[in-house]
Amino acid sequence: MEGSGKWKGHDVAKKPAWVVDKERAKRASAAETLWLFGLHAVRDALANPAREKLRLVLTRNAADRLGEPCWKAAGIEPEIADPRKFPVPLDPGSVHQGAALEVKPLDWGSVESRAIGGEGLPLVVLLDRVTDPHNVGAILRSAEVFGARAVVGPSRHSAPETGALAKTASGALERQPYLRVRNLADAMEELRAAGYTLLGLAGEAEITLEAALAELPGGAAIALVLGAEGPGLRERTRETCDRLVRIPFAGEFGSLNVSNAAAVSLYAAARKLS
């Protein structure tokens, strides 16, 4: 080997930084696992054929409550653990109820396949940097209840799949598509091109959600866009919405938790579509 950048007479092409980053992210994603915990979350994950299951840890009491058919059908045998020495790397204070399951994250596919061509009402929730897993878990649960096709958030600066999110979702994480996209504004434009009306929730908006929904024609497709508590919708997100709407309130205090706002909005939109 002579000089730099050559090997046996051939140029060694240095990969661009973005290619290296993409390959590194792909390897990290392939190696990523998470622990689901709690009886509901573990039971529903075991029943989900799309979920890759790696390791099941149960106390004797949890094993009795879940029942042998539950894990036999999933093709996995549990490790029976001492409740005083539960051998799972969970955050202190996690209420695991003696049940934990190591899994791979779910791959729900694309906005096109799930939010545009998927099952359920033509109703989608977009979350602009909502990072609290408890809020996202509660929103997934509401989205499932009201028949939304998908919940969509950016791949960065949004809550990833975690045990805490799954436990709050109470099984909805296994059934309700949760899509993480590279660019939220691009996903919004894709939905608009497919016929969705983008309604952004903002407390200062002039029109109420109910009034905006009443103006939509029959057969409409609705995307509800919600921001994180405090900062709300980012400027570009606001500009990409078709309309900004508000949930009316009585009294001087007019702020809802983002998961509560999502539930109210989903109920109103589902009534419009059904």
C-alpha atoms as a PDB file:
ATOM      1  CA  MET A   1       0.000   0.000   0.000  1.00  0.00           C
ATOM      2  CA  GLU A   2       1.488   3.327  -1.050  1.00  0.00           C
ATOM      3  CA  GLY A   3       0.372   6.783  -0.142  1.00  0.00           C
ATOM      4  CA  SER A   4      -3.024   7.558   1.346  1.00  0.00           C
ATOM      5  CA  GLY A   5      -6.405   6.890  -0.159  1.00  0.00           C
ATOM      6  CA  LYS A   6      -5.240   3.997  -2.383  1.00  0.00           C
ATOM      7  CA  TRP A   7      -5.174   0.223  -2.042  1.00  0.00           C
ATOM      8  CA  LYS A   8      -3.721  -2.027  -4.730  1.00  0.00           C
ATOM      9  CA  GLY A   9      -4.071   0.677  -7.308  1.00  0.00           C
ATOM     10  CA  HIS A  10      -7.700   1.541  -6.507  1.00  0.00           C
ATOM     11  CA  ASP A  11      -9.000   4.735  -4.933  1.00  0.00           C
ATOM     12  CA  VAL A  12     -10.578   4.228  -1.535  1.00  0.00           C
ATOM     13  CA  ALA A  13     -13.679   6.380  -1.567  1.00  0.00           C
ATOM     14  CA  LYS A  14     -14.379   7.951   1.791  1.00  0.00           C
ATOM     15  CA  LYS A  15     -18.064   7.694   2.664  1.00  0.00           C
ATOM     16  CA  PRO A  16     -19.896  11.001   3.140  1.00  0.00           C
ATOM     17  CA  ALA A  17     -20.715  11.855   6.740  1.00  0.00           C
ATOM     18  CA  TRP A  18     -24.457  11.506   6.148  1.00  0.00           C
ATOM     19  CA  VAL A  19     -23.978   7.957   4.837  1.00  0.00           C
ATOM     20  CA  VAL A  20     -21.886   7.035   7.887  1.00  0.00           C
ATOM     21  CA  ASP A  21     -24.510   8.532  10.213  1.00  0.00           C
ATOM     22  CA  LYS A  22     -27.315   6.666   8.449  1.00  0.00           C
ATOM     23  CA  GLU A  23     -25.475   3.346   8.667  1.00  0.00           C
ATOM     24  CA  ARG A  24     -24.659   3.944  12.330  1.00  0.00           C
ATOM     25  CA  ALA A  25     -28.304   4.756  13.090  1.00  0.00           C
ATOM     26  CA  LYS A  26     -29.425   1.619  11.236  1.00  0.00           C
ATOM     27  CA  ARG A  27     -27.039  -0.568  13.262  1.00  0.00           C
ATOM     28  CA  ALA A  28     -28.159   1.060  16.499  1.00  0.00           C
ATOM     29  CA  SER A  29     -31.803   0.523  15.586  1.00  0.00           C
ATOM     30  CA  ALA A  30     -31.184  -3.142  14.801  1.00  0.00           C
ATOM     31  CA  ALA A  31     -29.558  -3.616  18.204  1.00  0.00           C
ATOM     32  CA  GLU A  32     -32.178  -1.658  20.147  1.00  0.00           C
ATOM     33  CA  THR A  33     -34.436  -3.436  22.603  1.00  0.00           C
ATOM     34  CA  LEU A  34     -36.764  -2.250  25.334  1.00  0.00           C
ATOM     35  CA  TRP A  35     -38.396  -3.688  28.399  1.00  0.00           C
ATOM     36  CA  LEU A  36     -42.175  -3.610  28.654  1.00  0.00           C
ATOM     37  CA  PHE A  37     -43.545  -4.036  32.143  1.00  0.00           C
ATOM     38  CA  GLY A  38     -46.849  -4.448  33.914  1.00  0.00           C
ATOM     39  CA  LEU A  39     -49.400  -7.210  33.417  1.00  0.00           C
ATOM     40  CA  HIS A  40     -51.524  -5.407  30.791  1.00  0.00           C
ATOM     41  CA  ALA A  41     -48.579  -4.269  28.664  1.00  0.00           C
ATOM     42  CA  VAL A  42     -46.872  -7.671  28.801  1.00  0.00           C
ATOM     43  CA  ARG A  43     -50.060  -9.625  28.082  1.00  0.00           C
ATOM     44  CA  ASP A  44     -50.898  -7.510  25.034  1.00  0.00           C
ATOM     45  CA  ALA A  45     -47.331  -7.652  23.709  1.00  0.00           C
ATOM     46  CA  LEU A  46     -47.319 -11.444  24.046  1.00  0.00           C
ATOM     47  CA  ALA A  47     -50.559 -11.553  22.049  1.00  0.00           C
ATOM     48  CA  ASN A  48     -49.155  -9.341  19.267  1.00  0.00           C
ATOM     49  CA  PRO A  49     -47.703 -11.527  16.465  1.00  0.00           C
ATOM     50  CA  ALA A  50     -45.878  -8.496  15.015  1.00  0.00           C
ATOM     51  CA  ARG A  51     -43.889  -7.997  18.215  1.00  0.00           C
ATOM     52  CA  GLU A  52     -40.468  -9.689  18.368  1.00  0.00           C
ATOM     53  CA  LYS A  53     -40.144 -11.098  21.871  1.00  0.00           C
ATOM     54  CA  LEU A  54     -36.745 -11.839  23.394  1.00  0.00           C
ATOM     55  CA  ARG A  55     -36.985 -12.490  27.130  1.00  0.00           C
ATOM     56  CA  LEU A  56     -39.889 -12.894  29.554  1.00  0.00           C
ATOM     57  CA  VAL A  57     -39.336 -12.473  33.299  1.00  0.00           C
ATOM     58  CA  LEU A  58     -42.160 -13.208  35.742  1.00  0.00           C
ATOM     59  CA  THR A  59     -42.621 -13.677  39.424  1.00  0.00           C
ATOM     60  CA  ARG A  60     -44.577 -16.779  40.393  1.00  0.00           C
ATOM     61  CA  ASN A  61     -47.610 -14.644  41.215  1.00  0.00           C
ATOM     62  CA  ALA A  62     -47.480 -12.831  37.857  1.00  0.00           C
ATOM     63  CA  ALA A  63     -47.094 -16.146  36.037  1.00  0.00           C
ATOM     64  CA  ASP A  64     -50.229 -17.436  37.741  1.00  0.00           C
ATOM     65  CA  ARG A  65     -52.148 -14.269  36.818  1.00  0.00           C
ATOM     66  CA  LEU A  66     -51.066 -14.322  33.178  1.00  0.00           C
ATOM     67  CA  GLY A  67     -51.569 -18.051  32.762  1.00  0.00           C
ATOM     68  CA  GLU A  68     -49.408 -20.530  30.846  1.00  0.00           C
ATOM     69  CA  PRO A  69     -51.458 -20.340  27.594  1.00  0.00           C
ATOM     70  CA  CYS A  70     -50.528 -16.648  27.354  1.00  0.00           C
ATOM     71  CA  TRP A  71     -46.794 -17.247  26.858  1.00  0.00           C
ATOM     72  CA  LYS A  72     -47.136 -20.662  25.233  1.00  0.00           C
ATOM     73  CA  ALA A  73     -49.113 -19.079  22.387  1.00  0.00           C
ATOM     74  CA  ALA A  74     -46.323 -16.500  22.002  1.00  0.00           C
ATOM     75  CA  GLY A  75     -43.664 -19.213  21.782  1.00  0.00           C
ATOM     76  CA  ILE A  76     -41.627 -18.036  24.753  1.00  0.00           C
ATOM     77  CA  GLU A  77     -40.842 -19.555  28.144  1.00  0.00           C
ATOM     78  CA  PRO A  78     -40.652 -17.291  31.194  1.00  0.00           C
ATOM     79  CA  GLU A  79     -37.823 -16.986  33.682  1.00  0.00           C
ATOM     80  CA  ILE A  80     -39.347 -17.208  37.170  1.00  0.00           C
ATOM     81  CA  ALA A  81     -37.803 -14.537  39.370  1.00  0.00           C
ATOM     82  CA  ASP A  82     -37.712 -13.710  43.064  1.00  0.00           C
ATOM     83  CA  PRO A  83     -39.870 -10.577  43.552  1.00  0.00           C
ATOM     84  CA  ARG A  84     -37.263  -9.228  46.001  1.00  0.00           C
ATOM     85  CA  LYS A  85     -34.530  -9.464  43.341  1.00  0.00           C
ATOM     86  CA  PHE A  86     -36.330  -8.747  40.088  1.00  0.00           C
ATOM     87  CA  PRO A  87     -33.509  -9.109  37.496  1.00  0.00           C
ATOM     88  CA  VAL A  88     -34.668  -6.528  34.953  1.00  0.00           C
ATOM     89  CA  PRO A  89     -33.063  -3.099  34.284  1.00  0.00           C
ATOM     90  CA  LEU A  90     -36.084  -0.909  35.039  1.00  0.00           C
ATOM     91  CA  ASP A  91     -36.131   2.610  36.421  1.00  0.00           C
ATOM     92  CA  PRO A  92     -36.596   2.761  40.195  1.00  0.00           C
ATOM     93  CA  GLY A  93     -40.244   3.133  41.038  1.00  0.00           C
ATOM     94  CA  SER A  94     -41.499   1.324  37.930  1.00  0.00           C
ATOM     95  CA  VAL A  95     -44.623  -0.604  38.908  1.00  0.00           C
ATOM     96  CA  HIS A  96     -43.854  -3.824  37.059  1.00  0.00           C
ATOM     97  CA  GLN A  97     -46.367  -6.078  38.894  1.00  0.00           C
ATOM     98  CA  GLY A  98     -43.847  -8.897  38.590  1.00  0.00           C
ATOM     99  CA  ALA A  99     -43.964  -9.003  34.781  1.00  0.00           C
ATOM    100  CA  ALA A 100     -41.419  -7.735  32.234  1.00  0.00           C
ATOM    101  CA  LEU A 101     -40.824  -8.575  28.581  1.00  0.00           C
ATOM    102  CA  GLU A 102     -37.775  -7.609  26.522  1.00  0.00           C
ATOM    103  CA  VAL A 103     -38.794  -6.827  22.938  1.00  0.00           C
ATOM    104  CA  LYS A 104     -37.745  -5.117  19.722  1.00  0.00           C
ATOM    105  CA  PRO A 105     -39.507  -1.845  18.853  1.00  0.00           C
ATOM    106  CA  LEU A 106     -42.445  -2.143  16.470  1.00  0.00           C
ATOM    107  CA  ASP A 107     -42.171  -1.038  12.856  1.00  0.00           C
ATOM    108  CA  TRP A 108     -45.531   0.365  11.793  1.00  0.00           C
ATOM    109  CA  GLY A 109     -44.479   1.332   8.284  1.00  0.00           C
ATOM    110  CA  SER A 110     -45.073   4.606   6.465  1.00  0.00           C
ATOM    111  CA  VAL A 111     -47.525   7.490   6.651  1.00  0.00           C
ATOM    112  CA  GLU A 112     -48.830   6.401   3.259  1.00  0.00           C
ATOM    113  CA  SER A 113     -49.531   2.822   4.316  1.00  0.00           C
ATOM    114  CA  ARG A 114     -50.972   3.539   7.764  1.00  0.00           C
ATOM    115  CA  ALA A 115     -52.315   7.084   7.936  1.00  0.00           C
ATOM    116  CA  ILE A 116     -53.538   7.379   4.353  1.00  0.00           C
ATOM    117  CA  GLY A 117     -54.387   3.814   3.371  1.00  0.00           C
ATOM    118  CA  GLY A 118     -54.808   2.206   6.783  1.00  0.00           C
ATOM    119  CA  GLU A 119     -57.802   0.925   8.708  1.00  0.00           C
ATOM    120  CA  GLY A 120     -60.061   3.090  10.822  1.00  0.00           C
ATOM    121  CA  LEU A 121     -61.583   6.521  10.380  1.00  0.00           C
ATOM    122  CA  PRO A 122     -59.737   9.016   8.150  1.00  0.00           C
ATOM    123  CA  LEU A 123     -58.449  10.603  11.344  1.00  0.00           C
ATOM    124  CA  VAL A 124     -54.813  11.131  12.340  1.00  0.00           C
ATOM    125  CA  VAL A 125     -53.103  12.767  15.321  1.00  0.00           C
ATOM    126  CA  LEU A 126     -49.793  14.577  14.781  1.00  0.00           C
ATOM    127  CA  LEU A 127     -47.663  15.419  17.816  1.00  0.00           C
ATOM    128  CA  ASP A 128     -45.173  18.278  17.595  1.00  0.00           C
ATOM    129  CA  ARG A 129     -42.352  17.437  20.006  1.00  0.00           C
ATOM    130  CA  VAL A 130     -44.492  15.833  22.689  1.00  0.00           C
ATOM    131  CA  THR A 131     -41.770  14.095  24.680  1.00  0.00           C
ATOM    132  CA  ASP A 132     -43.541  12.890  27.833  1.00  0.00           C
ATOM    133  CA  PRO A 133     -44.115   9.119  27.464  1.00  0.00           C
ATOM    134  CA  HIS A 134     -47.130   9.237  29.777  1.00  0.00           C
ATOM    135  CA  ASN A 135     -48.824  11.838  27.579  1.00  0.00           C
ATOM    136  CA  VAL A 136     -48.069   9.917  24.386  1.00  0.00           C
ATOM    137  CA  GLY A 137     -49.238   6.663  25.961  1.00  0.00           C
ATOM    138  CA  ALA A 138     -52.532   8.278  26.968  1.00  0.00           C
ATOM    139  CA  ILE A 139     -52.938   9.759  23.457  1.00  0.00           C
ATOM    140  CA  LEU A 140     -52.380   6.342  21.870  1.00  0.00           C
ATOM    141  CA  ARG A 141     -55.077   4.931  24.119  1.00  0.00           C
ATOM    142  CA  SER A 142     -57.539   7.689  23.119  1.00  0.00           C
ATOM    143  CA  ALA A 143     -56.627   7.304  19.432  1.00  0.00           C
ATOM    144  CA  GLU A 144     -57.482   3.611  19.605  1.00  0.00           C
ATOM    145  CA  VAL A 145     -60.774   4.260  21.421  1.00  0.00           C
ATOM    146  CA  PHE A 146     -61.932   6.808  18.832  1.00  0.00           C
ATOM    147  CA  GLY A 147     -60.786   4.838  15.787  1.00  0.00           C
ATOM    148  CA  ALA A 148     -57.905   7.003  14.520  1.00  0.00           C
ATOM    149  CA  ARG A 149     -55.646   5.498  11.870  1.00  0.00           C
ATOM    150  CA  ALA A 150     -52.366   6.631  13.373  1.00  0.00           C
ATOM    151  CA  VAL A 151     -50.498   8.850  15.802  1.00  0.00           C
ATOM    152  CA  VAL A 152     -47.508  10.539  14.154  1.00  0.00           C
ATOM    153  CA  GLY A 153     -44.508  12.259  15.736  1.00  0.00           C
ATOM    154  CA  PRO A 154     -40.986  13.256  14.704  1.00  0.00           C
ATOM    155  CA  SER A 155     -38.290  10.603  15.120  1.00  0.00           C
ATOM    156  CA  ARG A 156     -36.288  13.103  17.174  1.00  0.00           C
ATOM    157  CA  HIS A 157     -37.661  15.148  20.052  1.00  0.00           C
ATOM    158  CA  SER A 158     -40.668  12.920  20.645  1.00  0.00           C
ATOM    159  CA  ALA A 159     -41.353  10.090  23.056  1.00  0.00           C
ATOM    160  CA  PRO A 160     -39.949   6.781  21.795  1.00  0.00           C
ATOM    161  CA  GLU A 161     -41.350   3.402  22.732  1.00  0.00           C
ATOM    162  CA  THR A 162     -40.598   2.799  26.401  1.00  0.00           C
ATOM    163  CA  GLY A 163     -41.989   0.646  29.157  1.00  0.00           C
ATOM    164  CA  ALA A 164     -43.564   3.720  30.766  1.00  0.00           C
ATOM    165  CA  LEU A 165     -45.290   4.679  27.506  1.00  0.00           C
ATOM    166  CA  ALA A 166     -46.556   1.128  26.988  1.00  0.00           C
ATOM    167  CA  LYS A 167     -47.892   0.882  30.533  1.00  0.00           C
ATOM    168  CA  THR A 168     -49.765   4.195  30.222  1.00  0.00           C
ATOM    169  CA  ALA A 169     -51.152   3.104  26.836  1.00  0.00           C
ATOM    170  CA  SER A 170     -52.540  -0.008  28.569  1.00  0.00           C
ATOM    171  CA  GLY A 171     -52.056  -2.245  25.538  1.00  0.00           C
ATOM    172  CA  ALA A 172     -52.822   0.360  22.847  1.00  0.00           C
ATOM    173  CA  LEU A 173     -49.140   0.494  21.853  1.00  0.00           C
ATOM    174  CA  GLU A 174     -49.533  -2.998  20.380  1.00  0.00           C
ATOM    175  CA  ARG A 175     -52.582  -2.089  18.290  1.00  0.00           C
ATOM    176  CA  GLN A 176     -52.526   1.636  17.542  1.00  0.00           C
ATOM    177  CA  PRO A 177     -50.023   2.653  14.838  1.00  0.00           C
ATOM    178  CA  TYR A 178     -47.421   5.056  16.246  1.00  0.00           C
ATOM    179  CA  LEU A 179     -45.318   6.433  13.390  1.00  0.00           C
ATOM    180  CA  ARG A 180     -42.031   8.275  13.910  1.00  0.00           C
ATOM    181  CA  VAL A 181     -41.143  10.407  10.883  1.00  0.00           C
ATOM    182  CA  ARG A 182     -38.020  12.262   9.863  1.00  0.00           C
ATOM    183  CA  ASN A 183     -39.795  15.591   9.307  1.00  0.00           C
ATOM    184  CA  LEU A 184     -43.217  16.397  10.750  1.00  0.00           C
ATOM    185  CA  ALA A 185     -43.978  19.227   8.291  1.00  0.00           C
ATOM    186  CA  ASP A 186     -43.257  16.903   5.354  1.00  0.00           C
ATOM    187  CA  ALA A 187     -45.636  14.311   6.821  1.00  0.00           C
ATOM    188  CA  MET A 188     -48.281  17.029   7.165  1.00  0.00           C
ATOM    189  CA  GLU A 189     -47.846  18.015   3.517  1.00  0.00           C
ATOM    190  CA  GLU A 190     -48.166  14.349   2.514  1.00  0.00           C
ATOM    191  CA  LEU A 191     -51.434  14.103   4.415  1.00  0.00           C
ATOM    192  CA  ARG A 192     -52.723  17.334   2.875  1.00  0.00           C
ATOM    193  CA  ALA A 193     -51.950  16.030  -0.607  1.00  0.00           C
ATOM    194  CA  ALA A 194     -54.023  12.930   0.268  1.00  0.00           C
ATOM    195  CA  GLY A 195     -57.022  15.092   1.150  1.00  0.00           C
ATOM    196  CA  TYR A 196     -56.571  15.648   4.877  1.00  0.00           C
ATOM    197  CA  THR A 197     -57.479  18.969   6.504  1.00  0.00           C
ATOM    198  CA  LEU A 198     -54.819  19.921   9.075  1.00  0.00           C
ATOM    199  CA  LEU A 199     -56.289  21.466  12.225  1.00  0.00           C
ATOM    200  CA  GLY A 200     -53.721  22.792  14.686  1.00  0.00           C
ATOM    201  CA  LEU A 201     -54.755  23.189  18.318  1.00  0.00           C
ATOM    202  CA  ALA A 202     -53.803  26.617  19.699  1.00  0.00           C
ATOM    203  CA  GLY A 203     -55.376  28.389  22.657  1.00  0.00           C
ATOM    204  CA  GLU A 204     -55.298  31.794  20.963  1.00  0.00           C
ATOM    205  CA  ALA A 205     -57.059  30.655  17.766  1.00  0.00           C
ATOM    206  CA  GLU A 206     -60.139  32.652  16.761  1.00  0.00           C
ATOM    207  CA  ILE A 207     -62.317  29.706  15.707  1.00  0.00           C
ATOM    208  CA  THR A 208     -63.321  26.770  17.894  1.00  0.00           C
ATOM    209  CA  LEU A 209     -62.672  23.184  16.944  1.00  0.00           C
ATOM    210  CA  GLU A 210     -66.412  22.501  16.846  1.00  0.00           C
ATOM    211  CA  ALA A 211     -67.031  25.376  14.404  1.00  0.00           C
ATOM    212  CA  ALA A 212     -64.137  24.337  12.167  1.00  0.00           C
ATOM    213  CA  LEU A 213     -65.373  20.751  12.050  1.00  0.00           C
ATOM    214  CA  ALA A 214     -68.891  21.916  11.177  1.00  0.00           C
ATOM    215  CA  GLU A 215     -67.517  23.731   8.112  1.00  0.00           C
ATOM    216  CA  LEU A 216     -65.858  20.611   6.716  1.00  0.00           C
ATOM    217  CA  PRO A 217     -67.695  18.773   3.940  1.00  0.00           C
ATOM    218  CA  GLY A 218     -68.983  15.235   4.268  1.00  0.00           C
ATOM    219  CA  GLY A 219     -66.340  12.592   3.649  1.00  0.00           C
ATOM    220  CA  ALA A 220     -63.592  14.812   5.056  1.00  0.00           C
ATOM    221  CA  ALA A 221     -60.287  13.460   6.365  1.00  0.00           C
ATOM    222  CA  ILE A 222     -59.009  15.163   9.517  1.00  0.00           C
ATOM    223  CA  ALA A 223     -55.511  15.531  10.967  1.00  0.00           C
ATOM    224  CA  LEU A 224     -55.336  16.989  14.481  1.00  0.00           C
ATOM    225  CA  VAL A 225     -52.018  18.671  15.249  1.00  0.00           C
ATOM    226  CA  LEU A 226     -51.007  19.179  18.888  1.00  0.00           C
ATOM    227  CA  GLY A 227     -47.893  20.699  20.399  1.00  0.00           C
ATOM    228  CA  ALA A 228     -46.038  20.122  23.621  1.00  0.00           C
ATOM    229  CA  GLU A 229     -47.306  21.730  26.794  1.00  0.00           C
ATOM    230  CA  GLY A 230     -45.700  25.110  27.270  1.00  0.00           C
ATOM    231  CA  PRO A 231     -44.166  25.860  23.871  1.00  0.00           C
ATOM    232  CA  GLY A 232     -47.156  24.570  21.899  1.00  0.00           C
ATOM    233  CA  LEU A 233     -46.862  24.286  18.125  1.00  0.00           C
ATOM    234  CA  ARG A 234     -43.594  25.377  16.520  1.00  0.00           C
ATOM    235  CA  GLU A 235     -43.765  28.185  13.968  1.00  0.00           C
ATOM    236  CA  ARG A 236     -43.290  25.977  10.914  1.00  0.00           C
ATOM    237  CA  THR A 237     -45.884  23.525  12.196  1.00  0.00           C
ATOM    238  CA  ARG A 238     -48.380  26.342  12.707  1.00  0.00           C
ATOM    239  CA  GLU A 239     -47.738  27.671   9.214  1.00  0.00           C
ATOM    240  CA  THR A 240     -48.264  24.209   7.698  1.00  0.00           C
ATOM    241  CA  CYS A 241     -51.689  23.778   9.313  1.00  0.00           C
ATOM    242  CA  ASP A 242     -54.779  24.655   7.274  1.00  0.00           C
ATOM    243  CA  ARG A 243     -56.405  26.273  10.304  1.00  0.00           C
ATOM    244  CA  LEU A 244     -55.658  26.945  13.934  1.00  0.00           C
ATOM    245  CA  VAL A 245     -58.518  26.027  16.248  1.00  0.00           C
ATOM    246  CA  ARG A 246     -59.144  26.114  19.967  1.00  0.00           C
ATOM    247  CA  ILE A 247     -61.088  24.107  22.488  1.00  0.00           C
ATOM    248  CA  PRO A 248     -63.538  26.500  24.177  1.00  0.00           C
ATOM    249  CA  PHE A 249     -63.318  26.779  27.937  1.00  0.00           C
ATOM    250  CA  ALA A 250     -65.244  28.371  30.770  1.00  0.00           C
ATOM    251  CA  GLY A 251     -63.631  30.617  33.351  1.00  0.00           C
ATOM    252  CA  GLU A 252     -60.226  32.235  33.444  1.00  0.00           C
ATOM    253  CA  PHE A 253     -58.138  29.055  33.403  1.00  0.00           C
ATOM    254  CA  GLY A 254     -58.261  27.585  29.922  1.00  0.00           C
ATOM    255  CA  SER A 255     -55.374  25.148  29.556  1.00  0.00           C
ATOM    256  CA  LEU A 256     -55.685  21.388  29.113  1.00  0.00           C
ATOM    257  CA  ASN A 257     -53.016  18.743  29.428  1.00  0.00           C
ATOM    258  CA  VAL A 258     -52.015  17.701  25.881  1.00  0.00           C
ATOM    259  CA  SER A 259     -53.366  14.177  26.343  1.00  0.00           C
ATOM    260  CA  ASN A 260     -56.695  15.556  27.574  1.00  0.00           C
ATOM    261  CA  ALA A 261     -56.812  18.007  24.669  1.00  0.00           C
ATOM    262  CA  ALA A 262     -56.158  15.103  22.288  1.00  0.00           C
ATOM    263  CA  ALA A 263     -58.976  13.051  23.810  1.00  0.00           C
ATOM    264  CA  VAL A 264     -61.480  15.933  23.531  1.00  0.00           C
ATOM    265  CA  SER A 265     -60.392  16.683  19.943  1.00  0.00           C
ATOM    266  CA  LEU A 266     -60.522  13.032  18.905  1.00  0.00           C
ATOM    267  CA  TYR A 267     -64.033  12.676  20.297  1.00  0.00           C
ATOM    268  CA  ALA A 268     -65.233  15.750  18.402  1.00  0.00           C
ATOM    269  CA  ALA A 269     -63.552  14.715  15.142  1.00  0.00           C
ATOM    270  CA  ALA A 270     -64.772  11.110  15.391  1.00  0.00           C
ATOM    271  CA  ARG A 271     -68.364  12.359  15.803  1.00  0.00           C
ATOM    272  CA  LYS A 272     -67.945  14.443  12.649  1.00  0.00           C
ATOM    273  CA  LEU A 273     -66.666  11.452  10.671  1.00  0.00           C
ATOM    274  CA  SER A 274     -69.053   8.800  11.940  1.00  0.00           C
END
